[in-house]
Amino acid sequence: MQFGCATLLSVLLLGATPGLLQAQGSPEPAPPFVVKTFEGRVLRLSELKGRPVVLDFWATWCRPCRAAMPHLDEVQKRFSGRGLIVIGLSVDDDGTSDVKRFAHDLGVNFPLGMANEKVLDNYGPIRSLPTTYFISRDGAVVRRVKGYIDPETLDSYVLELVQAGHASGGR
């Protein structure tokens, strides 16, 4: 996937705008996905039903993405006991070895993989990085955020996600 200069500029500008939120109507079902993590595990959205999911599209060259990774890792640690799973999908063209090394150097522990064309088609167009989807326990996209999300806002979005449906039998 290639990003042009105009896209890079929008990534940088949007990255400076904390939590730019796409207007949301009523929640729509999250498109299905099947991705392979760097550890070789296959993740299917259908197998995550009952768990809140944060799906983050990012790239190694994206400064706001790099800044967000430690925060995403932290919410994964703090809320995993409440069922949360954070998944990071790289849109880099360089291949998995560079992306794996980058993630290792950052100390990221949540599942990471490469965004394949089908996922990008279903969730796209991804024109700004990072782009983060918040998917409810029942599989609906409740929020899509383009750009960097500051830690406090990320915490509030994740808290809403893990609390929603929790009293009604969600894990």
C-alpha atoms as a PDB file:
ATOM      1  CA  MET A   1       0.000   0.000   0.000  1.00  0.00           C
ATOM      2  CA  GLN A   2       1.453   3.336  -1.030  1.00  0.00           C
ATOM      3  CA  PHE A   3       0.635   6.648   0.604  1.00  0.00           C
ATOM      4  CA  GLY A   4       1.357   9.864  -1.319  1.00  0.00           C
ATOM      5  CA  CYS A   5       2.656  13.154   0.036  1.00  0.00           C
ATOM      6  CA  ALA A   6      -0.854  14.576   0.454  1.00  0.00           C
ATOM      7  CA  THR A   7      -1.865  11.537   2.489  1.00  0.00           C
ATOM      8  CA  LEU A   8       1.291  11.787   4.569  1.00  0.00           C
ATOM      9  CA  LEU A   9       0.520  15.445   5.241  1.00  0.00           C
ATOM     10  CA  SER A  10      -3.026  14.562   6.315  1.00  0.00           C
ATOM     11  CA  VAL A  11      -1.646  11.815   8.570  1.00  0.00           C
ATOM     12  CA  LEU A  12       0.696  14.292  10.192  1.00  0.00           C
ATOM     13  CA  LEU A  13      -2.000  16.946  10.539  1.00  0.00           C
ATOM     14  CA  LEU A  14      -4.626  14.519  11.801  1.00  0.00           C
ATOM     15  CA  GLY A  15      -2.051  13.001  14.102  1.00  0.00           C
ATOM     16  CA  ALA A  16      -1.775  16.391  15.765  1.00  0.00           C
ATOM     17  CA  THR A  17      -5.535  16.507  16.290  1.00  0.00           C
ATOM     18  CA  PRO A  18      -6.346  14.349  19.324  1.00  0.00           C
ATOM     19  CA  GLY A  19      -9.247  11.994  18.840  1.00  0.00           C
ATOM     20  CA  LEU A  20     -10.683  13.312  15.580  1.00  0.00           C
ATOM     21  CA  LEU A  21     -13.897  11.314  15.426  1.00  0.00           C
ATOM     22  CA  GLN A  22     -15.833  10.368  12.349  1.00  0.00           C
ATOM     23  CA  ALA A  23     -19.502  11.201  12.773  1.00  0.00           C
ATOM     24  CA  GLN A  24     -21.351   8.067  13.833  1.00  0.00           C
ATOM     25  CA  GLY A  25     -24.945   7.080  13.253  1.00  0.00           C
ATOM     26  CA  SER A  26     -26.298   3.912  14.754  1.00  0.00           C
ATOM     27  CA  PRO A  27     -23.638   1.205  15.163  1.00  0.00           C
ATOM     28  CA  GLU A  28     -23.126  -1.043  12.151  1.00  0.00           C
ATOM     29  CA  PRO A  29     -21.783  -4.589  12.237  1.00  0.00           C
ATOM     30  CA  ALA A  30     -17.999  -4.719  12.008  1.00  0.00           C
ATOM     31  CA  PRO A  31     -16.862  -6.265   8.735  1.00  0.00           C
ATOM     32  CA  PRO A  32     -15.516  -9.767   9.258  1.00  0.00           C
ATOM     33  CA  PHE A  33     -11.763 -10.254   9.157  1.00  0.00           C
ATOM     34  CA  VAL A  34      -9.233 -13.036   9.315  1.00  0.00           C
ATOM     35  CA  VAL A  35      -5.620 -12.036   9.967  1.00  0.00           C
ATOM     36  CA  LYS A  36      -2.480 -13.876  10.909  1.00  0.00           C
ATOM     37  CA  THR A  37      -0.491 -12.412  13.782  1.00  0.00           C
ATOM     38  CA  PHE A  38       3.283 -12.222  13.789  1.00  0.00           C
ATOM     39  CA  GLU A  39       3.254 -15.154  16.218  1.00  0.00           C
ATOM     40  CA  GLY A  40       1.427 -17.255  13.634  1.00  0.00           C
ATOM     41  CA  ARG A  41      -1.964 -17.206  15.361  1.00  0.00           C
ATOM     42  CA  VAL A  42      -5.023 -16.720  13.163  1.00  0.00           C
ATOM     43  CA  LEU A  43      -7.472 -14.142  14.513  1.00  0.00           C
ATOM     44  CA  ARG A  44     -11.048 -14.115  13.268  1.00  0.00           C
ATOM     45  CA  LEU A  45     -13.460 -11.416  14.344  1.00  0.00           C
ATOM     46  CA  SER A  46     -16.182 -14.065  14.488  1.00  0.00           C
ATOM     47  CA  GLU A  47     -14.229 -15.878  17.230  1.00  0.00           C
ATOM     48  CA  LEU A  48     -13.973 -12.676  19.282  1.00  0.00           C
ATOM     49  CA  LYS A  49     -17.733 -12.205  19.694  1.00  0.00           C
ATOM     50  CA  GLY A  50     -18.461 -11.421  23.332  1.00  0.00           C
ATOM     51  CA  ARG A  51     -15.178  -9.506  23.657  1.00  0.00           C
ATOM     52  CA  PRO A  52     -14.668  -5.793  23.075  1.00  0.00           C
ATOM     53  CA  VAL A  53     -12.078  -5.185  20.336  1.00  0.00           C
ATOM     54  CA  VAL A  54      -9.844  -2.224  19.530  1.00  0.00           C
ATOM     55  CA  LEU A  55      -8.608  -2.592  15.950  1.00  0.00           C
ATOM     56  CA  ASP A  56      -5.801  -0.172  15.105  1.00  0.00           C
ATOM     57  CA  PHE A  57      -4.409   0.430  11.604  1.00  0.00           C
ATOM     58  CA  TRP A  58      -0.885   1.857  11.778  1.00  0.00           C
ATOM     59  CA  ALA A  59       2.523   2.078  10.063  1.00  0.00           C
ATOM     60  CA  THR A  60       6.116   2.195  11.270  1.00  0.00           C
ATOM     61  CA  TRP A  61       6.766   5.524   9.518  1.00  0.00           C
ATOM     62  CA  CYS A  62       3.754   7.200  11.167  1.00  0.00           C
ATOM     63  CA  ARG A  63       4.800   9.313  14.169  1.00  0.00           C
ATOM     64  CA  PRO A  64       1.315   9.462  15.756  1.00  0.00           C
ATOM     65  CA  CYS A  65       1.088   5.667  15.360  1.00  0.00           C
ATOM     66  CA  ARG A  66       4.385   5.203  17.189  1.00  0.00           C
ATOM     67  CA  ALA A  67       3.201   7.542  19.949  1.00  0.00           C
ATOM     68  CA  ALA A  68      -0.075   5.606  20.316  1.00  0.00           C
ATOM     69  CA  MET A  69       1.448   2.110  20.564  1.00  0.00           C
ATOM     70  CA  PRO A  70       2.488   2.282  24.239  1.00  0.00           C
ATOM     71  CA  HIS A  71      -0.987   3.573  25.187  1.00  0.00           C
ATOM     72  CA  LEU A  72      -2.693   0.779  23.265  1.00  0.00           C
ATOM     73  CA  ASP A  73      -0.396  -1.719  24.959  1.00  0.00           C
ATOM     74  CA  GLU A  74      -1.252  -0.265  28.357  1.00  0.00           C
ATOM     75  CA  VAL A  75      -5.032  -0.483  27.849  1.00  0.00           C
ATOM     76  CA  GLN A  76      -4.614  -4.076  26.639  1.00  0.00           C
ATOM     77  CA  LYS A  77      -2.816  -4.930  29.889  1.00  0.00           C
ATOM     78  CA  ARG A  78      -5.262  -3.070  32.123  1.00  0.00           C
ATOM     79  CA  PHE A  79      -8.481  -4.282  30.509  1.00  0.00           C
ATOM     80  CA  SER A  80      -7.621  -7.786  29.282  1.00  0.00           C
ATOM     81  CA  GLY A  81      -9.234  -9.201  32.421  1.00  0.00           C
ATOM     82  CA  ARG A  82     -12.482  -7.629  31.233  1.00  0.00           C
ATOM     83  CA  GLY A  83     -12.220  -9.306  27.847  1.00  0.00           C
ATOM     84  CA  LEU A  84     -10.586  -6.508  25.843  1.00  0.00           C
ATOM     85  CA  ILE A  85      -8.388  -7.422  22.917  1.00  0.00           C
ATOM     86  CA  VAL A  86      -6.313  -4.824  21.065  1.00  0.00           C
ATOM     87  CA  ILE A  87      -5.184  -5.786  17.567  1.00  0.00           C
ATOM     88  CA  GLY A  88      -2.718  -3.723  15.555  1.00  0.00           C
ATOM     89  CA  LEU A  89      -2.614  -4.122  11.774  1.00  0.00           C
ATOM     90  CA  SER A  90       0.308  -2.573   9.939  1.00  0.00           C
ATOM     91  CA  VAL A  91      -0.157  -1.099   6.473  1.00  0.00           C
ATOM     92  CA  ASP A  92       3.605  -1.006   5.829  1.00  0.00           C
ATOM     93  CA  ASP A  93       4.916  -2.207   2.472  1.00  0.00           C
ATOM     94  CA  ASP A  94       8.311  -3.200   3.886  1.00  0.00           C
ATOM     95  CA  GLY A  95       7.263  -6.668   4.991  1.00  0.00           C
ATOM     96  CA  THR A  96       6.823  -8.324   8.309  1.00  0.00           C
ATOM     97  CA  SER A  97      10.460  -8.533   9.454  1.00  0.00           C
ATOM     98  CA  ASP A  98      10.890  -4.737   9.690  1.00  0.00           C
ATOM     99  CA  VAL A  99       7.482  -4.326  11.294  1.00  0.00           C
ATOM    100  CA  LYS A 100       8.176  -7.132  13.806  1.00  0.00           C
ATOM    101  CA  ARG A 101      11.511  -5.574  14.760  1.00  0.00           C
ATOM    102  CA  PHE A 102       9.879  -2.161  15.128  1.00  0.00           C
ATOM    103  CA  ALA A 103       7.131  -3.560  17.387  1.00  0.00           C
ATOM    104  CA  HIS A 104       9.673  -5.508  19.423  1.00  0.00           C
ATOM    105  CA  ASP A 105      11.789  -2.377  19.917  1.00  0.00           C
ATOM    106  CA  LEU A 106       8.674  -0.551  21.176  1.00  0.00           C
ATOM    107  CA  GLY A 107       7.870  -3.416  23.555  1.00  0.00           C
ATOM    108  CA  VAL A 108       4.381  -3.975  22.151  1.00  0.00           C
ATOM    109  CA  ASN A 109       2.690  -7.081  23.545  1.00  0.00           C
ATOM    110  CA  PHE A 110      -0.774  -6.980  21.971  1.00  0.00           C
ATOM    111  CA  PRO A 111      -1.421  -9.024  18.804  1.00  0.00           C
ATOM    112  CA  LEU A 112       0.040  -7.506  15.657  1.00  0.00           C
ATOM    113  CA  GLY A 113      -0.175  -8.478  12.019  1.00  0.00           C
ATOM    114  CA  MET A 114      -0.156  -7.095   8.518  1.00  0.00           C
ATOM    115  CA  ALA A 115      -3.353  -5.650   7.080  1.00  0.00           C
ATOM    116  CA  ASN A 116      -4.211  -7.692   4.013  1.00  0.00           C
ATOM    117  CA  GLU A 117      -6.085  -6.293   1.021  1.00  0.00           C
ATOM    118  CA  LYS A 118      -9.388  -7.865   2.058  1.00  0.00           C
ATOM    119  CA  VAL A 119      -9.257  -6.248   5.513  1.00  0.00           C
ATOM    120  CA  LEU A 120      -8.308  -2.915   3.959  1.00  0.00           C
ATOM    121  CA  ASP A 121     -11.177  -3.195   1.495  1.00  0.00           C
ATOM    122  CA  ASN A 122     -13.659  -4.052   4.262  1.00  0.00           C
ATOM    123  CA  TYR A 123     -12.492  -1.353   6.698  1.00  0.00           C
ATOM    124  CA  GLY A 124     -11.310   1.227   4.231  1.00  0.00           C
ATOM    125  CA  PRO A 125     -10.553   3.299   2.697  1.00  0.00           C
ATOM    126  CA  ILE A 126      -7.877   3.864   5.324  1.00  0.00           C
ATOM    127  CA  ARG A 127      -6.639   7.306   4.314  1.00  0.00           C
ATOM    128  CA  SER A 128      -5.321   8.510   7.661  1.00  0.00           C
ATOM    129  CA  LEU A 129      -3.092   6.795  10.169  1.00  0.00           C
ATOM    130  CA  PRO A 130      -3.633   5.748  12.753  1.00  0.00           C
ATOM    131  CA  THR A 131      -7.255   4.772  12.223  1.00  0.00           C
ATOM    132  CA  THR A 132      -8.768   2.969  15.176  1.00  0.00           C
ATOM    133  CA  TYR A 133     -12.017   1.015  15.330  1.00  0.00           C
ATOM    134  CA  PHE A 134     -13.812   0.277  18.590  1.00  0.00           C
ATOM    135  CA  ILE A 135     -15.924  -2.864  18.226  1.00  0.00           C
ATOM    136  CA  SER A 136     -18.502  -3.825  20.854  1.00  0.00           C
ATOM    137  CA  ARG A 137     -18.996  -7.250  22.417  1.00  0.00           C
ATOM    138  CA  ASP A 138     -21.829  -7.894  19.973  1.00  0.00           C
ATOM    139  CA  GLY A 139     -19.628  -7.111  16.943  1.00  0.00           C
ATOM    140  CA  ALA A 140     -20.763  -3.575  16.112  1.00  0.00           C
ATOM    141  CA  VAL A 141     -18.441  -0.695  15.226  1.00  0.00           C
ATOM    142  CA  VAL A 142     -19.317   1.855  17.894  1.00  0.00           C
ATOM    143  CA  ARG A 143     -16.543   4.333  17.097  1.00  0.00           C
ATOM    144  CA  ARG A 144     -13.959   5.006  14.405  1.00  0.00           C
ATOM    145  CA  VAL A 145     -11.240   7.508  15.145  1.00  0.00           C
ATOM    146  CA  LYS A 146      -8.870   8.927  12.556  1.00  0.00           C
ATOM    147  CA  GLY A 147      -5.614  10.196  14.015  1.00  0.00           C
ATOM    148  CA  TYR A 148      -3.847  10.088  17.330  1.00  0.00           C
ATOM    149  CA  ILE A 149      -5.915   9.457  20.458  1.00  0.00           C
ATOM    150  CA  ASP A 150      -4.460  10.920  23.633  1.00  0.00           C
ATOM    151  CA  PRO A 151      -4.188   8.489  26.590  1.00  0.00           C
ATOM    152  CA  GLU A 152      -7.083   9.987  28.566  1.00  0.00           C
ATOM    153  CA  THR A 153      -9.460   9.840  25.618  1.00  0.00           C
ATOM    154  CA  LEU A 154      -8.333   6.309  24.752  1.00  0.00           C
ATOM    155  CA  ASP A 155      -9.002   5.261  28.349  1.00  0.00           C
ATOM    156  CA  SER A 156     -12.507   6.724  28.239  1.00  0.00           C
ATOM    157  CA  TYR A 157     -13.316   5.040  24.902  1.00  0.00           C
ATOM    158  CA  VAL A 158     -12.023   1.684  26.136  1.00  0.00           C
ATOM    159  CA  LEU A 159     -13.873   2.012  29.434  1.00  0.00           C
ATOM    160  CA  GLU A 160     -17.133   2.662  27.542  1.00  0.00           C
ATOM    161  CA  LEU A 161     -16.396  -0.363  25.377  1.00  0.00           C
ATOM    162  CA  VAL A 162     -15.658  -2.802  28.211  1.00  0.00           C
ATOM    163  CA  GLN A 163     -18.575  -1.585  30.331  1.00  0.00           C
ATOM    164  CA  ALA A 164     -21.130  -1.751  27.514  1.00  0.00           C
ATOM    165  CA  GLY A 165     -23.015  -5.025  27.701  1.00  0.00           C
ATOM    166  CA  HIS A 166     -20.898  -6.230  30.610  1.00  0.00           C
ATOM    167  CA  ALA A 167     -23.836  -6.383  33.004  1.00  0.00           C
ATOM    168  CA  SER A 168     -25.915  -8.248  30.423  1.00  0.00           C
ATOM    169  CA  GLY A 169     -23.708 -11.294  30.347  1.00  0.00           C
ATOM    170  CA  GLY A 170     -20.774 -10.210  28.173  1.00  0.00           C
ATOM    171  CA  ARG A 171     -17.373 -11.434  29.298  1.00  0.00           C
END
